[in-house]
């Protein structure tokens, strides 16, 4: 018996030794992955892919070369050779439909004079990487690239094909990117599930609070208002003054609150947000779910949390006013443009009719103007992919997952409209960064290297969960 117990102790010690050795080896491997991630990330940031004017070719060629060096087949698909889309595919056994991991190579343009660090230098300072695209969207791009490389290097057996798409033109020129791919090469990117930008993990004072996963988005439109009246001399005021008519029309729609309407995503969002919020704000989030008290929550949001007010309804924001040309001339025509963000199931003709009723002036014409809009669509919260994302959030961040409806727009809308279940994810970002000018589209865009690394591991685990053989 003594020898048996001694044998057990020896076996236990050996298992512990090998377990610790394996953990150290694995951590050492990931440290190498993180070093490579930073190299690729900084290289991608250093390409000036500003849109406008739009020239993603250097970044696309870099991605192609890195993928092909690992033996991953790559295609460059385009309707403008300066703005290609990069597609790569790792094949599974076909027992499940593919998974698409997608990010865009273009970034919004910059005013270099406003940057402390040059916008395309990818400077590393105090644990951060600075550069245009650091959080929109070359963080997702670098993470997706590393996932593809590691799937190939580790020869991971897959139930699903995993498709990588680095698209051009997301920042307002979708005819070169996602629209081109959907209209001309859908077979190359068609999938059951898609992971892309649009979400983020919120940190406050360096403490992670929750992870937002975008499952639906509002649809952008442009509403044009044209007020007409009688032209005349400015020394003789007229009741038919087109500027006055337009001003009253704008005031009327700015004061109007379209009906509150929740969907699966926003209802789950406010319910889950209430569970992690202080009592006072939690009450407001729960009030939204009660038709009898929703207006009370609406008042609170409008005064304190306008982003949440926008999530309750189709919204209107008058942003452009064009009237008059001389101080002493009453103009016969005045124009305004309104940013209209519609709920995904909004009936647009009926909504325009409601605007006309609110304005109540036949001398003000209401119509839709030209805009790069998006089609409607929504991802479900009950899929295998969403469950994998929730599990990954819990494993890597230890917080609740909030399904979100974006008030902005992403290219996932074109895929959701085809029935592809798309989920927007992103790294941990300090909530304070936006107000300090360090967020997306800001003049000091940045990301913590440690959070980029965590995001890569998060991506890796959820892709394995969704696509790898069980």
Foldseek 3Di string as FASTA:
>chain_A
DVVVVVVVVVVVVVVVVVVVVVVVVVVVVLVVLLVVLLVLLLVLQLDQQAPVVGFLQVNQVVLCVVCVVLVWDWDWDWPDNRFTKIKTKDAAPQQFWAEEEEAESYFHDADQVLAPDGQNRQDDDPQKTWHTCQFRPSLSVSLLSSLSSVCSVVVFHWNYMYMYIHFYDFVFGCCTGLVVCVVPPCVRGDGQAYEYADWEFEDAPNATAATEKEFFAWKKFKKKKKFFFDKDWQVDDDPSQRVVLVVLLQVLQQPDDDAFDDDPQLLQQLQQVLVRDPPVVSVLSVLCVPPVRVVVSLVVCVVPPVQNNVNGFWHKAWDAWAADDDPTMRDRMIMTMIITTHDQPDDVVVVQVVSCVSSVDPSMDIDIDDGDIFHGAGADCPDLLNVLLQVLCCVLRVYGYRHDYHHDDGSCRNVRVVVRRYMHGGWYDYPVCVVVQQDHPGNTPMDRSVRSSSVSVSVNRSCCSVIGDD
